[in-house]
Amino acid sequence: MKLISFKHLVIGLCMFAAAGMALALKPTVKVADSGPKIDLEVMIPKVFGDWKIDETVAPLIANPEQEALINKIYNQTLTRTYINSRNERIMLSIAYGGDQSDNMAVHKPEVCYPGQGFQIIKNAMDTFATGEGVIPVKRLVATQGPRIEPITYWTTVGDVVAVNGLKWKLQQLKFGLTGKIPDGLLFRVSSIQTDDTKAYVIQDNFTRDMLKAMSPAGRQRIVGNTSADL
């Protein structure tokens, strides 16, 4: 039997060490377990500014496959429709997940809307002025037959808004190097309207009014640390 060469021995030891290091660096501590617990129902006001919940509108119901995936990814979801004195309606959806590792990544509208039979005809990057800073957002337009639905959304990883896939991954890796698993959320507002430019203005005004009515801690949960964005 041939003796194992020194070269092969070194390679084997390096592979073993790399495997051990990967295991040692694998994130195990969830950030969500060490911070204040989130309750979206309490955090998001039901009435603020000129807006109140429209109890006459039923939220869009996901199909069973989408519903199962949402329940797997997120710890909490909140879906409401608001109306103002001008009969303008905004659909709000927030989903919070305590584990934003690879297998529990946020479920973006570009995926879930087509899963509901919609077609995405616009997908663009933009910015949103929160009133305390500026964050990156995505602007979409989804259509299904005669229904035209402009959408604004963003996602967070830890305390940073990360809409861009590369930034999301870098933020996730940043936490991973410290042995921590970040939490995160997806914030989405949409409306049924043919003029998407006008729709985005109304959506931004609605969101600013909502953020203004929230507690400082709740507001930071939604928009992250704005000084770290862009």
C-alpha atoms as a PDB file:
ATOM      1  CA  MET A   1       0.000   0.000   0.000  1.00  0.00           C
ATOM      2  CA  LYS A   2       1.345   3.441  -0.962  1.00  0.00           C
ATOM      3  CA  LEU A   3       2.080   5.895   1.787  1.00  0.00           C
ATOM      4  CA  ILE A   4       0.088   9.134   1.756  1.00  0.00           C
ATOM      5  CA  SER A   5       2.267  11.858   0.249  1.00  0.00           C
ATOM      6  CA  PHE A   6       3.050  14.967   2.226  1.00  0.00           C
ATOM      7  CA  LYS A   7       1.240  17.079  -0.395  1.00  0.00           C
ATOM      8  CA  HIS A   8      -1.983  15.090  -0.110  1.00  0.00           C
ATOM      9  CA  LEU A   9      -1.717  15.152   3.671  1.00  0.00           C
ATOM     10  CA  VAL A  10      -1.454  18.955   3.688  1.00  0.00           C
ATOM     11  CA  ILE A  11      -4.411  19.275   1.299  1.00  0.00           C
ATOM     12  CA  GLY A  12      -6.468  16.956   3.462  1.00  0.00           C
ATOM     13  CA  LEU A  13      -5.639  18.885   6.628  1.00  0.00           C
ATOM     14  CA  CYS A  14      -6.511  22.190   4.937  1.00  0.00           C
ATOM     15  CA  MET A  15      -9.866  20.822   3.800  1.00  0.00           C
ATOM     16  CA  PHE A  16     -10.566  19.530   7.285  1.00  0.00           C
ATOM     17  CA  ALA A  17      -9.624  22.888   8.820  1.00  0.00           C
ATOM     18  CA  ALA A  18     -11.805  24.765   6.322  1.00  0.00           C
ATOM     19  CA  ALA A  19     -14.761  22.535   7.107  1.00  0.00           C
ATOM     20  CA  GLY A  20     -14.234  23.086  10.823  1.00  0.00           C
ATOM     21  CA  MET A  21     -13.967  26.848  10.368  1.00  0.00           C
ATOM     22  CA  ALA A  22     -17.154  26.935   8.299  1.00  0.00           C
ATOM     23  CA  LEU A  23     -18.949  25.048  11.048  1.00  0.00           C
ATOM     24  CA  ALA A  24     -17.517  27.327  13.714  1.00  0.00           C
ATOM     25  CA  LEU A  25     -18.567  30.469  11.808  1.00  0.00           C
ATOM     26  CA  LYS A  26     -22.058  29.211  11.031  1.00  0.00           C
ATOM     27  CA  PRO A  27     -24.472  31.732  12.533  1.00  0.00           C
ATOM     28  CA  THR A  28     -26.372  30.297  15.493  1.00  0.00           C
ATOM     29  CA  VAL A  29     -27.680  33.276  17.470  1.00  0.00           C
ATOM     30  CA  LYS A  30     -30.852  34.990  16.267  1.00  0.00           C
ATOM     31  CA  VAL A  31     -30.817  38.759  16.727  1.00  0.00           C
ATOM     32  CA  ALA A  32     -34.602  38.618  17.167  1.00  0.00           C
ATOM     33  CA  ASP A  33     -34.229  36.532  20.338  1.00  0.00           C
ATOM     34  CA  SER A  34     -32.192  39.199  22.141  1.00  0.00           C
ATOM     35  CA  GLY A  35     -34.206  42.319  21.249  1.00  0.00           C
ATOM     36  CA  PRO A  36     -37.693  43.616  22.071  1.00  0.00           C
ATOM     37  CA  LYS A  37     -40.492  41.474  20.673  1.00  0.00           C
ATOM     38  CA  ILE A  38     -42.358  42.847  17.671  1.00  0.00           C
ATOM     39  CA  ASP A  39     -46.144  43.074  17.519  1.00  0.00           C
ATOM     40  CA  LEU A  40     -47.141  44.513  14.148  1.00  0.00           C
ATOM     41  CA  GLU A  41     -50.808  44.864  15.147  1.00  0.00           C
ATOM     42  CA  VAL A  42     -49.809  47.176  17.985  1.00  0.00           C
ATOM     43  CA  MET A  43     -46.885  48.872  16.242  1.00  0.00           C
ATOM     44  CA  ILE A  44     -48.825  50.098  13.182  1.00  0.00           C
ATOM     45  CA  PRO A  45     -51.551  52.649  14.043  1.00  0.00           C
ATOM     46  CA  LYS A  46     -55.067  51.995  12.785  1.00  0.00           C
ATOM     47  CA  VAL A  47     -55.836  55.713  12.430  1.00  0.00           C
ATOM     48  CA  PHE A  48     -53.360  58.490  11.592  1.00  0.00           C
ATOM     49  CA  GLY A  49     -53.440  61.759   9.693  1.00  0.00           C
ATOM     50  CA  ASP A  50     -56.311  61.596   7.213  1.00  0.00           C
ATOM     51  CA  TRP A  51     -56.185  57.800   7.061  1.00  0.00           C
ATOM     52  CA  LYS A  52     -58.208  55.060   8.729  1.00  0.00           C
ATOM     53  CA  ILE A  53     -58.733  51.346   8.094  1.00  0.00           C
ATOM     54  CA  ASP A  54     -61.327  50.595   5.405  1.00  0.00           C
ATOM     55  CA  GLU A  55     -63.225  47.676   6.881  1.00  0.00           C
ATOM     56  CA  THR A  56     -65.267  47.184   3.669  1.00  0.00           C
ATOM     57  CA  VAL A  57     -62.308  45.918   1.625  1.00  0.00           C
ATOM     58  CA  ALA A  58     -61.164  42.319   1.990  1.00  0.00           C
ATOM     59  CA  PRO A  59     -57.389  41.739   1.594  1.00  0.00           C
ATOM     60  CA  LEU A  60     -56.044  39.702  -1.310  1.00  0.00           C
ATOM     61  CA  ILE A  61     -55.916  36.051  -0.263  1.00  0.00           C
ATOM     62  CA  ALA A  62     -52.858  34.032  -1.261  1.00  0.00           C
ATOM     63  CA  ASN A  63     -53.237  30.612  -2.829  1.00  0.00           C
ATOM     64  CA  PRO A  64     -52.428  27.629  -0.543  1.00  0.00           C
ATOM     65  CA  GLU A  65     -48.877  27.227  -1.887  1.00  0.00           C
ATOM     66  CA  GLN A  66     -48.083  30.917  -1.390  1.00  0.00           C
ATOM     67  CA  GLU A  67     -49.708  30.890   2.041  1.00  0.00           C
ATOM     68  CA  ALA A  68     -47.595  27.922   3.156  1.00  0.00           C
ATOM     69  CA  LEU A  69     -44.396  29.628   1.978  1.00  0.00           C
ATOM     70  CA  ILE A  70     -45.301  32.905   3.700  1.00  0.00           C
ATOM     71  CA  ASN A  71     -45.980  31.070   6.961  1.00  0.00           C
ATOM     72  CA  LYS A  72     -42.601  29.338   6.679  1.00  0.00           C
ATOM     73  CA  ILE A  73     -40.660  32.533   6.009  1.00  0.00           C
ATOM     74  CA  TYR A  74     -42.328  34.979   8.373  1.00  0.00           C
ATOM     75  CA  ASN A  75     -43.143  35.095  12.080  1.00  0.00           C
ATOM     76  CA  GLN A  76     -45.743  37.834  11.639  1.00  0.00           C
ATOM     77  CA  THR A  77     -47.680  39.399   8.792  1.00  0.00           C
ATOM     78  CA  LEU A  78     -49.996  42.394   8.740  1.00  0.00           C
ATOM     79  CA  THR A  79     -52.371  43.262   5.895  1.00  0.00           C
ATOM     80  CA  ARG A  80     -54.694  46.261   5.963  1.00  0.00           C
ATOM     81  CA  THR A  81     -56.455  48.620   3.552  1.00  0.00           C
ATOM     82  CA  TYR A  82     -56.657  52.283   4.514  1.00  0.00           C
ATOM     83  CA  ILE A  83     -58.894  55.038   3.106  1.00  0.00           C
ATOM     84  CA  ASN A  84     -58.782  58.833   3.395  1.00  0.00           C
ATOM     85  CA  SER A  85     -61.376  61.608   3.059  1.00  0.00           C
ATOM     86  CA  ARG A  86     -60.772  61.742  -0.717  1.00  0.00           C
ATOM     87  CA  ASN A  87     -61.678  58.039  -1.034  1.00  0.00           C
ATOM     88  CA  GLU A  88     -58.091  57.175  -1.931  1.00  0.00           C
ATOM     89  CA  ARG A  89     -57.183  53.655  -0.803  1.00  0.00           C
ATOM     90  CA  ILE A  90     -53.799  52.237   0.103  1.00  0.00           C
ATOM     91  CA  MET A  91     -53.161  48.545   0.674  1.00  0.00           C
ATOM     92  CA  LEU A  92     -50.496  47.958   3.321  1.00  0.00           C
ATOM     93  CA  SER A  93     -48.639  44.698   3.830  1.00  0.00           C
ATOM     94  CA  ILE A  94     -45.818  44.108   6.307  1.00  0.00           C
ATOM     95  CA  ALA A  95     -44.113  40.778   6.910  1.00  0.00           C
ATOM     96  CA  TYR A  96     -41.552  40.243   9.672  1.00  0.00           C
ATOM     97  CA  GLY A  97     -39.154  37.308   9.854  1.00  0.00           C
ATOM     98  CA  GLY A  98     -36.819  36.517  12.722  1.00  0.00           C
ATOM     99  CA  ASP A  99     -34.471  34.488  10.494  1.00  0.00           C
ATOM    100  CA  GLN A 100     -33.127  36.080   7.312  1.00  0.00           C
ATOM    101  CA  SER A 101     -30.643  33.312   6.464  1.00  0.00           C
ATOM    102  CA  ASP A 102     -30.498  31.882   2.942  1.00  0.00           C
ATOM    103  CA  ASN A 103     -33.333  29.396   3.415  1.00  0.00           C
ATOM    104  CA  MET A 104     -35.622  32.002   5.002  1.00  0.00           C
ATOM    105  CA  ALA A 105     -35.029  34.974   2.681  1.00  0.00           C
ATOM    106  CA  VAL A 106     -37.770  37.540   2.205  1.00  0.00           C
ATOM    107  CA  HIS A 107     -40.442  36.695  -0.351  1.00  0.00           C
ATOM    108  CA  LYS A 108     -40.409  39.650  -2.727  1.00  0.00           C
ATOM    109  CA  PRO A 109     -43.402  41.020  -4.716  1.00  0.00           C
ATOM    110  CA  GLU A 110     -41.613  40.210  -7.985  1.00  0.00           C
ATOM    111  CA  VAL A 111     -42.170  36.575  -7.023  1.00  0.00           C
ATOM    112  CA  CYS A 112     -45.415  36.535  -5.042  1.00  0.00           C
ATOM    113  CA  TYR A 113     -47.450  38.702  -7.432  1.00  0.00           C
ATOM    114  CA  PRO A 114     -46.801  36.502 -10.493  1.00  0.00           C
ATOM    115  CA  GLY A 115     -47.621  33.571  -8.207  1.00  0.00           C
ATOM    116  CA  GLN A 116     -51.078  35.131  -7.840  1.00  0.00           C
ATOM    117  CA  GLY A 117     -51.531  35.490 -11.611  1.00  0.00           C
ATOM    118  CA  PHE A 118     -50.219  39.056 -12.009  1.00  0.00           C
ATOM    119  CA  GLN A 119     -47.769  40.314 -14.627  1.00  0.00           C
ATOM    120  CA  ILE A 120     -45.011  42.726 -13.568  1.00  0.00           C
ATOM    121  CA  ILE A 121     -44.730  45.413 -16.268  1.00  0.00           C
ATOM    122  CA  LYS A 122     -42.494  47.845 -14.357  1.00  0.00           C
ATOM    123  CA  ASN A 123     -39.616  47.187 -11.984  1.00  0.00           C
ATOM    124  CA  ALA A 124     -37.432  50.162 -11.079  1.00  0.00           C
ATOM    125  CA  MET A 125     -35.192  51.378  -8.257  1.00  0.00           C
ATOM    126  CA  ASP A 126     -36.083  54.663  -6.564  1.00  0.00           C
ATOM    127  CA  THR A 127     -35.701  56.481  -3.251  1.00  0.00           C
ATOM    128  CA  PHE A 128     -38.174  57.454  -0.544  1.00  0.00           C
ATOM    129  CA  ALA A 129     -37.781  60.402   1.829  1.00  0.00           C
ATOM    130  CA  THR A 130     -38.998  59.129   5.197  1.00  0.00           C
ATOM    131  CA  GLY A 131     -38.996  62.561   6.854  1.00  0.00           C
ATOM    132  CA  GLU A 132     -35.829  61.703   8.775  1.00  0.00           C
ATOM    133  CA  GLY A 133     -33.695  60.343   5.962  1.00  0.00           C
ATOM    134  CA  VAL A 134     -33.758  58.740   2.531  1.00  0.00           C
ATOM    135  CA  ILE A 135     -33.965  54.995   1.838  1.00  0.00           C
ATOM    136  CA  PRO A 136     -33.843  52.941  -1.378  1.00  0.00           C
ATOM    137  CA  VAL A 137     -37.111  51.389  -2.571  1.00  0.00           C
ATOM    138  CA  LYS A 138     -38.476  49.369  -5.464  1.00  0.00           C
ATOM    139  CA  ARG A 139     -41.323  50.694  -7.627  1.00  0.00           C
ATOM    140  CA  LEU A 140     -43.341  48.067  -9.468  1.00  0.00           C
ATOM    141  CA  VAL A 141     -46.500  47.977 -11.539  1.00  0.00           C
ATOM    142  CA  ALA A 142     -48.450  44.700 -11.514  1.00  0.00           C
ATOM    143  CA  THR A 143     -51.385  43.992 -13.816  1.00  0.00           C
ATOM    144  CA  GLN A 144     -54.065  41.334 -13.914  1.00  0.00           C
ATOM    145  CA  GLY A 145     -56.662  41.881 -16.611  1.00  0.00           C
ATOM    146  CA  PRO A 146     -58.036  45.421 -16.162  1.00  0.00           C
ATOM    147  CA  ARG A 147     -56.492  45.746 -12.667  1.00  0.00           C
ATOM    148  CA  ILE A 148     -53.401  47.976 -12.579  1.00  0.00           C
ATOM    149  CA  GLU A 149     -51.578  48.030  -9.233  1.00  0.00           C
ATOM    150  CA  PRO A 150     -48.556  50.302  -8.652  1.00  0.00           C
ATOM    151  CA  ILE A 151     -46.414  49.003  -5.768  1.00  0.00           C
ATOM    152  CA  THR A 152     -43.734  50.507  -3.539  1.00  0.00           C
ATOM    153  CA  TYR A 153     -41.713  48.239  -1.276  1.00  0.00           C
ATOM    154  CA  TRP A 154     -38.465  47.773   0.595  1.00  0.00           C
ATOM    155  CA  THR A 155     -36.827  45.078   2.695  1.00  0.00           C
ATOM    156  CA  THR A 156     -34.597  45.249   5.747  1.00  0.00           C
ATOM    157  CA  VAL A 157     -31.826  43.011   7.041  1.00  0.00           C
ATOM    158  CA  GLY A 158     -31.123  43.818  10.659  1.00  0.00           C
ATOM    159  CA  ASP A 159     -31.301  47.595  10.904  1.00  0.00           C
ATOM    160  CA  VAL A 160     -30.455  48.346   7.263  1.00  0.00           C
ATOM    161  CA  VAL A 161     -32.743  48.702   4.242  1.00  0.00           C
ATOM    162  CA  ALA A 162     -31.371  46.423   1.515  1.00  0.00           C
ATOM    163  CA  VAL A 163     -33.479  46.311  -1.652  1.00  0.00           C
ATOM    164  CA  ASN A 164     -30.535  45.485  -3.913  1.00  0.00           C
ATOM    165  CA  GLY A 165     -29.739  41.759  -3.867  1.00  0.00           C
ATOM    166  CA  LEU A 166     -25.987  42.309  -3.462  1.00  0.00           C
ATOM    167  CA  LYS A 167     -26.439  44.697  -0.535  1.00  0.00           C
ATOM    168  CA  TRP A 168     -28.869  42.246   1.064  1.00  0.00           C
ATOM    169  CA  LYS A 169     -26.297  39.447   0.803  1.00  0.00           C
ATOM    170  CA  LEU A 170     -23.438  41.611   2.106  1.00  0.00           C
ATOM    171  CA  GLN A 171     -25.509  42.660   5.103  1.00  0.00           C
ATOM    172  CA  GLN A 172     -26.406  39.030   5.771  1.00  0.00           C
ATOM    173  CA  LEU A 173     -22.717  38.023   5.602  1.00  0.00           C
ATOM    174  CA  LYS A 174     -21.794  40.880   7.934  1.00  0.00           C
ATOM    175  CA  PHE A 175     -24.057  39.393  10.584  1.00  0.00           C
ATOM    176  CA  GLY A 176     -22.853  35.866   9.804  1.00  0.00           C
ATOM    177  CA  LEU A 177     -19.237  36.761  10.578  1.00  0.00           C
ATOM    178  CA  THR A 178     -20.310  37.645  14.103  1.00  0.00           C
ATOM    179  CA  GLY A 179     -22.216  34.372  14.496  1.00  0.00           C
ATOM    180  CA  LYS A 180     -25.591  36.105  14.356  1.00  0.00           C
ATOM    181  CA  ILE A 181     -28.681  35.471  12.231  1.00  0.00           C
ATOM    182  CA  PRO A 182     -30.365  38.777  11.317  1.00  0.00           C
ATOM    183  CA  ASP A 183     -34.061  39.439  11.410  1.00  0.00           C
ATOM    184  CA  GLY A 184     -35.769  41.523   8.744  1.00  0.00           C
ATOM    185  CA  LEU A 185     -39.021  42.631   7.225  1.00  0.00           C
ATOM    186  CA  LEU A 186     -40.734  43.465   3.990  1.00  0.00           C
ATOM    187  CA  PHE A 187     -42.791  46.665   3.840  1.00  0.00           C
ATOM    188  CA  ARG A 188     -45.184  47.095   0.902  1.00  0.00           C
ATOM    189  CA  VAL A 189     -47.812  49.631  -0.064  1.00  0.00           C
ATOM    190  CA  SER A 190     -49.897  49.487  -3.226  1.00  0.00           C
ATOM    191  CA  SER A 191     -53.029  50.940  -4.791  1.00  0.00           C
ATOM    192  CA  ILE A 192     -55.283  50.243  -7.741  1.00  0.00           C
ATOM    193  CA  GLN A 193     -54.665  53.134 -10.107  1.00  0.00           C
ATOM    194  CA  THR A 194     -53.787  53.627 -13.771  1.00  0.00           C
ATOM    195  CA  ASP A 195     -51.472  56.614 -13.163  1.00  0.00           C
ATOM    196  CA  ASP A 196     -48.475  55.081 -11.401  1.00  0.00           C
ATOM    197  CA  THR A 197     -46.690  58.429 -10.939  1.00  0.00           C
ATOM    198  CA  LYS A 198     -49.661  59.824  -9.017  1.00  0.00           C
ATOM    199  CA  ALA A 199     -50.022  56.541  -7.140  1.00  0.00           C
ATOM    200  CA  TYR A 200     -46.421  56.673  -5.889  1.00  0.00           C
ATOM    201  CA  VAL A 201     -46.945  60.230  -4.571  1.00  0.00           C
ATOM    202  CA  ILE A 202     -50.023  59.122  -2.608  1.00  0.00           C
ATOM    203  CA  GLN A 203     -48.206  56.016  -1.349  1.00  0.00           C
ATOM    204  CA  ASP A 204     -45.251  58.104  -0.160  1.00  0.00           C
ATOM    205  CA  ASN A 205     -47.521  60.610   1.609  1.00  0.00           C
ATOM    206  CA  PHE A 206     -49.415  57.765   3.280  1.00  0.00           C
ATOM    207  CA  THR A 207     -46.199  56.127   4.458  1.00  0.00           C
ATOM    208  CA  ARG A 208     -44.754  59.357   5.830  1.00  0.00           C
ATOM    209  CA  ASP A 209     -47.999  60.024   7.727  1.00  0.00           C
ATOM    210  CA  MET A 210     -47.870  56.507   9.152  1.00  0.00           C
ATOM    211  CA  LEU A 211     -44.228  56.776  10.204  1.00  0.00           C
ATOM    212  CA  LYS A 212     -44.877  60.147  11.839  1.00  0.00           C
ATOM    213  CA  ALA A 213     -47.616  58.585  13.986  1.00  0.00           C
ATOM    214  CA  MET A 214     -45.410  55.709  15.164  1.00  0.00           C
ATOM    215  CA  SER A 215     -43.105  55.511  18.165  1.00  0.00           C
ATOM    216  CA  PRO A 216     -39.398  56.192  17.450  1.00  0.00           C
ATOM    217  CA  ALA A 217     -38.552  52.533  18.134  1.00  0.00           C
ATOM    218  CA  GLY A 218     -41.318  51.274  15.859  1.00  0.00           C
ATOM    219  CA  ARG A 219     -40.353  53.721  13.137  1.00  0.00           C
ATOM    220  CA  GLN A 220     -36.748  52.528  13.194  1.00  0.00           C
ATOM    221  CA  ARG A 221     -37.960  48.937  12.914  1.00  0.00           C
ATOM    222  CA  ILE A 222     -39.735  49.833   9.679  1.00  0.00           C
ATOM    223  CA  VAL A 223     -37.149  52.065   7.960  1.00  0.00           C
ATOM    224  CA  GLY A 224     -33.986  50.842   9.686  1.00  0.00           C
ATOM    225  CA  ASN A 225     -31.024  53.087  10.386  1.00  0.00           C
ATOM    226  CA  THR A 226     -31.449  55.646   7.585  1.00  0.00           C
ATOM    227  CA  SER A 227     -27.919  56.979   8.089  1.00  0.00           C
ATOM    228  CA  ALA A 228     -26.599  53.591   6.911  1.00  0.00           C
ATOM    229  CA  ASP A 229     -28.617  53.526   3.689  1.00  0.00           C
ATOM    230  CA  LEU A 230     -27.761  54.656   0.186  1.00  0.00           C
END
